[in-house]
Amino acid sequence: MKITFGRKFLGCCIATVLLFIIFVWTILIVPQAITAGVVIAYGGFVLTIWFAYIGGNVWSKWVKSKYFRGELNE
């Protein structure tokens, strides 16, 4: 599978950078607010964004495949 630098990839990169900026900003403003649960939550958000990107690519490839078309005709 080839990774292209399209709008989905760019959107994932921008969302990841924004989450990182919010995380660092929070560390600078209120460092005691960053607990293990917050770090895990941010990690989960970033993983969810990238899983959605990968899943969207897999889904679009599947929709374009000949097998998906055959299932629609059955």
Protein backbone atom coordinates (compact mmCIF):
# COMPACT_ATOMS: atom_id res chain seq x y z
CA MET A 1 0.00 0.00 0.00
CA LYS A 2 1.40 3.33 -1.05
CA ILE A 3 1.11 6.28 1.33
CA THR A 4 0.29 9.47 -0.49
CA PHE A 5 0.45 12.97 0.90
CA GLY A 6 -3.16 13.82 0.16
CA ARG A 7 -5.73 15.74 2.13
CA LYS A 8 -6.45 12.86 4.53
CA PHE A 9 -2.78 12.52 5.42
CA LEU A 10 -2.41 16.27 5.79
CA GLY A 11 -5.50 16.37 8.01
CA CYS A 12 -4.08 13.65 10.26
CA CYS A 13 -0.76 15.48 10.52
CA ILE A 14 -2.47 18.77 11.38
CA ALA A 15 -4.68 17.10 14.01
CA THR A 16 -1.65 15.38 15.56
CA VAL A 17 0.33 18.63 15.66
CA LEU A 18 -2.61 20.49 17.22
CA LEU A 19 -2.97 17.83 19.93
CA PHE A 20 0.77 18.04 20.60
CA ILE A 21 0.62 21.85 20.83
CA ILE A 22 -2.32 21.67 23.26
CA PHE A 23 -0.44 19.08 25.32
CA VAL A 24 2.73 21.19 25.52
CA TRP A 25 0.72 24.34 26.22
CA THR A 26 -1.00 22.56 29.10
CA ILE A 27 2.36 21.41 30.47
CA LEU A 28 3.63 25.00 30.40
CA ILE A 29 0.51 26.60 31.92
CA VAL A 30 -0.62 23.96 34.45
CA PRO A 31 1.99 21.21 34.81
CA GLN A 32 0.18 19.49 37.68
CA ALA A 33 -2.79 18.81 35.37
CA ILE A 34 -0.76 16.32 33.34
CA THR A 35 -1.26 12.94 34.98
CA ALA A 36 -0.81 9.43 33.67
CA GLY A 37 -4.45 9.35 32.63
CA VAL A 38 -4.08 12.54 30.60
CA VAL A 39 -0.99 11.23 28.83
CA ILE A 40 -2.80 7.98 28.02
CA ALA A 41 -5.81 9.94 26.76
CA TYR A 42 -3.66 12.07 24.44
CA GLY A 43 -1.92 8.94 23.19
CA GLY A 44 -5.30 7.34 22.57
CA PHE A 45 -6.50 10.38 20.64
CA VAL A 46 -3.43 10.34 18.40
CA LEU A 47 -3.72 6.59 17.83
CA THR A 48 -7.41 6.97 16.99
CA ILE A 49 -6.64 9.66 14.43
CA TRP A 50 -4.04 7.50 12.69
CA PHE A 51 -6.15 4.32 12.89
CA ALA A 52 -8.96 6.28 11.23
CA TYR A 53 -6.55 7.38 8.49
CA ILE A 54 -5.37 3.82 7.87
CA GLY A 55 -8.92 2.46 8.05
CA GLY A 56 -10.14 5.08 5.61
CA ASN A 57 -7.43 4.09 3.14
CA VAL A 58 -8.24 0.40 3.51
CA TRP A 59 -11.96 1.10 3.08
CA SER A 60 -11.43 3.21 -0.05
CA LYS A 61 -9.22 0.49 -1.58
CA TRP A 62 -11.85 -2.14 -0.75
CA VAL A 63 -14.65 -0.07 -2.30
CA LYS A 64 -12.60 0.30 -5.48
CA SER A 65 -11.79 -3.42 -5.63
CA LYS A 66 -13.52 -5.84 -7.97
CA TYR A 67 -14.64 -8.05 -5.07
CA PHE A 68 -16.72 -5.30 -3.46
CA ARG A 69 -18.51 -4.69 -6.75
CA GLY A 70 -19.36 -8.38 -7.01
CA GLU A 71 -20.88 -8.45 -3.55
CA LEU A 72 -23.13 -5.53 -4.44
CA ASN A 73 -24.48 -7.43 -7.45
CA GLU A 74 -25.39 -10.55 -5.43
